[in-house]
Protein backbone atom coordinates (compact mmCIF):
# COMPACT_ATOMS: atom_id res chain seq x y z
CA MET A 1 -13.51 -14.33 -6.77
CA PRO A 2 -11.16 -13.44 -9.75
CA ALA A 3 -8.76 -16.13 -11.15
CA THR A 4 -6.37 -13.91 -12.94
CA ARG A 5 -3.17 -12.96 -11.18
CA LEU A 6 -2.96 -9.16 -10.07
CA VAL A 7 0.40 -8.95 -12.07
CA ASP A 8 -1.72 -9.81 -15.35
CA ARG A 9 -3.78 -6.81 -14.53
CA LEU A 10 -1.47 -4.43 -13.72
CA ARG A 11 0.20 -5.06 -17.22
CA GLU A 12 -2.81 -4.30 -18.68
CA THR A 13 -2.44 -0.95 -20.82
CA GLY A 14 -5.67 1.19 -20.35
CA ARG A 15 -7.24 -0.28 -17.61
CA PRO A 16 -5.52 0.66 -14.16
CA THR A 17 -6.21 -1.24 -11.21
CA PHE A 18 -7.76 0.39 -7.88
CA SER A 19 -7.31 -1.21 -4.39
CA PHE A 20 -7.83 -0.78 -0.97
CA GLU A 21 -5.73 -1.09 2.33
CA PHE A 22 -7.23 -1.74 5.73
CA PHE A 23 -5.77 -2.24 9.23
CA PRO A 24 -6.61 -4.75 11.32
CA PRO A 25 -9.03 -3.99 13.94
CA GLY A 26 -8.58 -4.36 17.43
CA ASP A 27 -11.99 -6.40 18.31
CA ASP A 28 -14.76 -8.17 16.49
CA ALA A 29 -16.87 -5.33 16.60
CA GLY A 30 -14.10 -3.54 14.53
CA VAL A 31 -13.81 -6.48 12.01
CA GLN A 32 -17.63 -6.38 11.71
CA GLN A 33 -17.16 -2.69 11.11
CA LEU A 34 -14.46 -3.35 8.69
CA ILE A 35 -16.79 -5.97 6.73
CA GLY A 36 -18.90 -2.75 6.56
CA THR A 37 -16.18 -0.69 5.23
CA VAL A 38 -15.26 -3.35 2.54
CA ASP A 39 -18.67 -3.80 1.42
CA ALA A 40 -19.38 -0.27 0.95
CA LEU A 41 -16.60 -0.08 -1.13
CA GLY A 42 -17.75 -3.15 -3.00
CA PRO A 43 -19.51 -1.44 -5.93
CA LEU A 44 -16.29 0.44 -6.79
CA ARG A 45 -15.17 -3.00 -7.86
CA PRO A 46 -11.41 -2.78 -6.50
CA ASP A 47 -9.12 -5.30 -7.61
CA TRP A 48 -7.93 -6.37 -4.24
CA VAL A 49 -8.01 -5.25 -1.17
CA SER A 50 -5.29 -5.58 1.55
CA VAL A 51 -4.45 -5.86 5.23
CA THR A 52 -1.63 -4.52 7.02
CA TYR A 53 0.60 -6.81 9.54
CA GLY A 54 0.56 -6.58 13.06
CA ALA A 55 3.71 -5.36 14.90
CA THR A 56 3.52 -8.07 17.61
CA GLY A 57 1.93 -11.46 18.20
CA ALA A 58 -1.69 -10.17 19.23
CA ALA A 59 -1.64 -7.67 16.78
CA ARG A 60 -0.31 -10.49 14.00
CA TYR A 61 -3.44 -12.73 14.92
CA LYS A 62 -5.80 -9.95 14.33
CA THR A 63 -4.50 -9.48 10.78
CA PHE A 64 -5.26 -13.08 10.18
CA SER A 65 -8.66 -12.67 11.61
CA ALA A 66 -9.45 -9.72 9.47
CA VAL A 67 -8.13 -11.35 6.46
CA GLY A 68 -10.36 -14.56 6.88
CA ALA A 69 -13.28 -12.53 7.90
CA ILE A 70 -12.52 -10.83 4.63
CA ARG A 71 -12.26 -13.70 2.67
CA GLY A 72 -15.31 -15.44 4.32
CA GLN A 73 -17.87 -12.62 4.11
CA THR A 74 -16.95 -10.94 1.00
CA ASP A 75 -15.87 -11.39 -2.46
CA ALA A 76 -12.87 -8.83 -2.41
CA ARG A 77 -9.75 -10.46 -3.67
CA THR A 78 -7.27 -10.06 -1.07
CA MET A 79 -3.78 -9.79 -0.10
CA GLY A 80 -1.80 -9.87 2.96
CA HIS A 81 1.05 -7.88 4.13
CA LEU A 82 4.13 -9.60 5.96
CA THR A 83 6.85 -8.25 7.54
CA ILE A 84 10.03 -9.74 9.26
CA ALA A 85 10.65 -7.14 12.04
CA GLY A 86 10.85 -8.71 15.56
CA GLN A 87 10.30 -12.17 14.11
CA SER A 88 12.23 -15.32 13.37
CA THR A 89 12.49 -17.22 10.29
CA ASP A 90 10.38 -19.90 11.31
CA GLU A 91 7.83 -16.94 12.65
CA VAL A 92 7.78 -15.76 9.02
CA ARG A 93 7.64 -19.47 7.57
CA ARG A 94 4.23 -19.92 9.83
CA ALA A 95 2.85 -16.64 8.68
CA LEU A 96 3.03 -17.52 5.12
CA ALA A 97 1.89 -21.26 5.87
CA SER A 98 -1.31 -19.01 7.57
CA TYR A 99 -1.88 -17.22 4.37
CA GLU A 100 -1.94 -20.29 2.53
CA ARG A 101 -4.57 -21.73 4.70
CA LEU A 102 -6.77 -19.44 4.23
CA GLY A 103 -6.49 -19.02 0.55
CA VAL A 104 -4.45 -15.93 -0.08
CA THR A 105 -2.04 -16.15 -2.93
CA HIS A 106 -0.59 -12.46 -2.93
CA ILE A 107 1.64 -11.39 -0.44
CA LEU A 108 3.29 -7.56 0.15
CA ALA A 109 6.53 -8.31 1.42
CA LEU A 110 7.84 -5.44 3.96
CA ARG A 111 10.22 -5.28 6.21
CA GLY A 112 8.59 -3.19 8.73
CA ASP A 113 9.70 -1.56 11.60
CA PRO A 114 10.50 -1.87 15.32
CA VAL A 115 7.54 -2.12 17.97
CA GLY A 116 8.39 1.64 19.58
CA GLY A 117 10.33 2.91 16.39
CA GLY A 118 14.22 3.36 16.86
CA THR A 119 16.57 1.70 13.91
CA PHE A 120 16.22 -1.84 12.46
CA THR A 121 17.77 -4.47 14.02
CA PRO A 122 17.23 -8.16 12.21
CA HIS A 123 15.91 -10.79 14.62
CA PRO A 124 18.92 -12.94 15.83
CA ALA A 125 17.17 -15.57 13.91
CA GLY A 126 15.20 -13.80 11.33
CA LEU A 127 15.63 -12.52 7.91
CA ALA A 128 18.06 -9.65 6.91
CA ASN A 129 15.54 -7.49 4.90
CA ALA A 130 12.43 -7.12 2.66
CA THR A 131 14.75 -8.91 -0.25
CA ALA A 132 15.25 -12.01 1.88
CA LEU A 133 11.45 -12.01 2.52
CA VAL A 134 10.56 -12.18 -0.73
CA ARG A 135 12.83 -15.22 -1.85
CA LEU A 136 11.31 -16.79 1.42
CA ALA A 137 8.05 -16.41 -0.07
CA LYS A 138 8.81 -17.42 -3.37
CA SER A 139 10.45 -20.58 -2.06
CA VAL A 140 7.82 -21.96 -0.11
CA GLY A 141 4.51 -21.38 -1.87
CA ASP A 142 2.85 -20.58 -5.11
CA PHE A 143 2.69 -16.67 -4.00
CA THR A 144 2.14 -13.49 -6.54
CA VAL A 145 4.88 -11.32 -4.00
CA GLY A 146 4.80 -7.63 -4.31
CA VAL A 147 7.01 -4.89 -2.55
CA ALA A 148 7.12 -1.22 -1.09
CA ALA A 149 8.58 1.59 -3.06
CA PHE A 150 9.32 5.15 -2.00
CA PRO A 151 8.77 8.03 -3.90
CA ASP A 152 9.97 10.81 -1.49
CA GLY A 153 12.69 8.03 0.00
CA HIS A 154 13.00 5.65 2.83
CA PRO A 155 14.31 7.66 5.52
CA GLU A 156 17.31 5.09 6.27
CA GLY A 157 18.57 5.74 2.74
CA SER A 158 18.64 7.74 -0.40
CA LEU A 159 16.79 7.75 -3.81
CA ASP A 160 19.44 6.14 -5.90
CA LEU A 161 19.70 3.40 -3.17
CA ASP A 162 16.11 3.04 -3.00
CA ALA A 163 15.89 2.19 -6.74
CA ARG A 164 19.06 -0.05 -6.61
CA LEU A 165 17.51 -1.85 -3.56
CA LEU A 166 13.73 -2.00 -5.45
CA LEU A 167 15.79 -3.78 -8.55
CA GLU A 168 17.29 -6.26 -5.90
CA LYS A 169 13.92 -7.11 -4.92
CA GLU A 170 12.56 -7.78 -8.76
CA GLU A 171 15.38 -9.88 -9.13
CA ALA A 172 14.46 -12.24 -5.95
CA GLY A 173 11.22 -12.76 -7.35
CA ALA A 174 8.81 -9.53 -6.55
CA GLU A 175 6.76 -8.95 -9.39
CA PHE A 176 4.88 -5.33 -8.86
CA ALA A 177 5.37 -2.56 -6.43
CA VAL A 178 3.07 -0.10 -4.09
CA THR A 179 4.53 3.10 -3.30
CA GLN A 180 4.38 4.57 0.24
CA LEU A 181 2.02 7.67 0.38
CA PHE A 182 3.29 10.92 -1.65
CA PHE A 183 1.96 14.40 -2.71
CA SER A 184 3.76 14.81 -5.83
CA VAL A 185 3.60 13.16 -9.15
CA ASP A 186 7.05 14.31 -9.87
CA ALA A 187 8.30 12.34 -7.04
CA TYR A 188 6.12 9.45 -8.67
CA VAL A 189 7.62 9.87 -11.96
CA SER A 190 11.31 10.02 -10.60
CA LEU A 191 10.91 6.70 -8.95
CA VAL A 192 9.78 4.94 -11.85
CA GLU A 193 12.48 6.53 -14.00
CA ARG A 194 15.06 5.69 -11.82
CA PHE A 195 13.91 2.42 -11.74
CA ARG A 196 13.71 1.65 -15.30
CA ALA A 197 17.14 3.20 -15.61
CA LEU A 198 18.62 0.01 -14.13
CA GLY A 199 16.87 -1.99 -16.04
CA GLY A 200 13.63 -2.72 -13.54
CA THR A 201 10.49 -3.57 -15.15
CA MET A 202 7.77 -4.55 -12.89
CA PRO A 203 4.75 -2.24 -12.61
CA ILE A 204 4.82 0.44 -9.82
CA VAL A 205 1.20 1.15 -8.30
CA ALA A 206 1.19 4.55 -6.59
CA GLY A 207 -0.19 4.80 -3.11
CA ILE A 208 -2.61 7.46 -2.26
CA MET A 209 -4.04 8.73 1.16
CA PRO A 210 -7.36 11.02 1.22
CA VAL A 211 -6.64 14.23 3.24
CA THR A 212 -9.39 14.79 5.27
CA VAL A 213 -8.39 16.31 8.68
CA PRO A 214 -5.39 18.89 9.76
CA SER A 215 -3.81 16.71 11.74
CA GLN A 216 -2.45 14.07 9.06
CA ILE A 217 -0.28 16.85 8.02
CA GLU A 218 2.19 16.37 10.75
CA ARG A 219 1.11 12.72 10.60
CA PHE A 220 2.15 12.19 6.84
CA ALA A 221 5.56 13.70 7.53
CA HIS A 222 5.99 10.87 10.24
CA LEU A 223 4.73 8.16 7.81
CA SER A 224 6.30 8.92 4.95
CA GLY A 225 9.65 10.82 6.23
CA ALA A 226 9.10 13.70 4.15
CA ARG A 227 6.74 16.72 4.49
CA MET A 228 4.02 17.89 1.86
CA PRO A 229 5.38 19.90 -0.98
CA ALA A 230 5.13 23.75 0.21
CA GLU A 231 2.05 24.47 -2.15
CA VAL A 232 0.06 21.28 -1.07
CA GLU A 233 0.54 21.92 2.40
CA ALA A 234 0.05 25.85 1.98
CA SER A 235 -3.58 25.17 0.48
CA LEU A 236 -4.68 22.67 3.47
CA LEU A 237 -3.43 25.25 5.93
CA ALA A 238 -4.97 28.12 4.81
CA VAL A 239 -8.10 26.36 5.49
CA ALA A 240 -7.40 24.41 8.41
CA ASP A 241 -9.77 26.13 10.79
CA ASP A 242 -12.81 25.02 8.66
CA ARG A 243 -13.43 21.29 9.14
CA VAL A 244 -15.68 21.37 6.07
CA ARG A 245 -13.50 23.43 3.70
CA PHE A 246 -10.27 21.51 4.80
CA ARG A 247 -11.97 18.21 3.54
CA GLU A 248 -13.27 19.36 0.51
CA VAL A 249 -9.72 20.88 -0.28
CA GLY A 250 -8.38 17.61 0.81
CA ILE A 251 -10.25 15.48 -1.63
CA ASP A 252 -9.85 17.74 -4.01
CA LEU A 253 -6.04 17.72 -3.86
CA MET A 254 -5.58 13.99 -3.78
CA THR A 255 -7.98 13.61 -6.56
CA ARG A 256 -5.81 15.78 -8.76
CA LEU A 257 -2.72 14.20 -7.73
CA ALA A 258 -4.10 10.25 -8.28
CA ASP A 259 -5.39 11.62 -11.93
CA ASP A 260 -2.12 13.07 -12.73
CA VAL A 261 -0.16 9.96 -11.65
CA LEU A 262 -2.59 8.00 -13.97
CA ALA A 263 -1.91 10.27 -16.69
CA ALA A 264 1.80 9.92 -16.13
CA GLY A 265 1.28 6.26 -16.63
CA ALA A 266 0.74 4.59 -13.44
CA PRO A 267 -0.67 0.90 -13.70
CA GLY A 268 -3.07 1.39 -10.70
CA LEU A 269 -3.82 3.13 -7.41
CA GLN A 270 -3.45 1.92 -3.93
CA PHE A 271 -6.02 3.87 -1.74
CA PHE A 272 -5.02 3.66 2.40
CA THR A 273 -8.27 3.85 3.74
CA LEU A 274 -7.69 4.07 7.29
CA ASN A 275 -10.73 1.78 7.48
CA ARG A 276 -12.87 4.19 6.45
CA SER A 277 -14.92 4.28 2.93
CA LYS A 278 -16.30 7.57 2.58
CA ALA A 279 -13.33 9.56 1.30
CA THR A 280 -11.69 7.19 -1.03
CA ALA A 281 -14.97 6.36 -2.67
CA GLU A 282 -15.68 10.11 -3.47
CA ILE A 283 -12.03 10.46 -5.18
CA LEU A 284 -12.46 7.62 -7.22
CA GLY A 285 -15.72 8.30 -8.30
CA ARG A 286 -14.32 11.74 -9.17
CA LEU A 287 -11.17 10.14 -10.90
CA ARG A 288 -13.76 7.50 -13.27
CA GLU A 289 -15.96 11.02 -14.38
CA LEU A 290 -12.90 12.97 -15.41
CA PRO A 291 -12.04 12.46 -18.95
CA VAL A 292 -8.98 9.98 -19.73
CA ARG A 293 -5.68 11.53 -19.94
CA SER A 294 -2.57 10.35 -21.61
CA ALA A 295 1.04 10.23 -20.48
């Protein structure tokens, strides 16, 4: 497995990173299917893969199980997600120790959302926010820590507040960020500009989710807190009755978005795969055939 830190790769100019996010499967059969997906994406040479963190105790166990399986059965460098929602500080410390035992040295530190939704309230014996989680992770082990960024703004904040909070995370020890999904290159560029204007320096990876089925249109609005740009949504809705054509249009739109953000200076792309390989492989394959553009 690669020995260099991801942040060093992210700071290399002219060679963007590519990474894939998965969620923990619900059973052993799902784990093996996940391993198959990781293997299928292996020829694309991802710089890392990551596994999201379960919101409940049982789901968290599945996260560690999936991470252990990927570490043990593939050559992929693995990043672990960690959230504080619903957990005491001691539980978070144990999670960090579990990652350390698995040989995972890169952590994506997130606040997370309460089980069942609603307003986030810190655990009575827990951490207050993601910034506190960054500090804890940096204090208890030799972790390289990344955080989340929000091109369309966090549903509970504002664009300017998001930029200030991102800077606080960097000052607490975060070394890179990965954005929530978005559909406008301008949203990504504006986020980076706001952050840089405050003095922030860490690289910000662009999060890309392949669009392949009409039901994703509403789901994305729920996940990101913002609807797709009108022109993107209109292009998809125009072919919503043709499943094959919808997929073609969705892949084309996301390929163009990925190409645009790389041309705008994004140091890398993280694909939210939904534990499938085909659409991600198609987008990345197309990207690697396109001529290099400069910002």
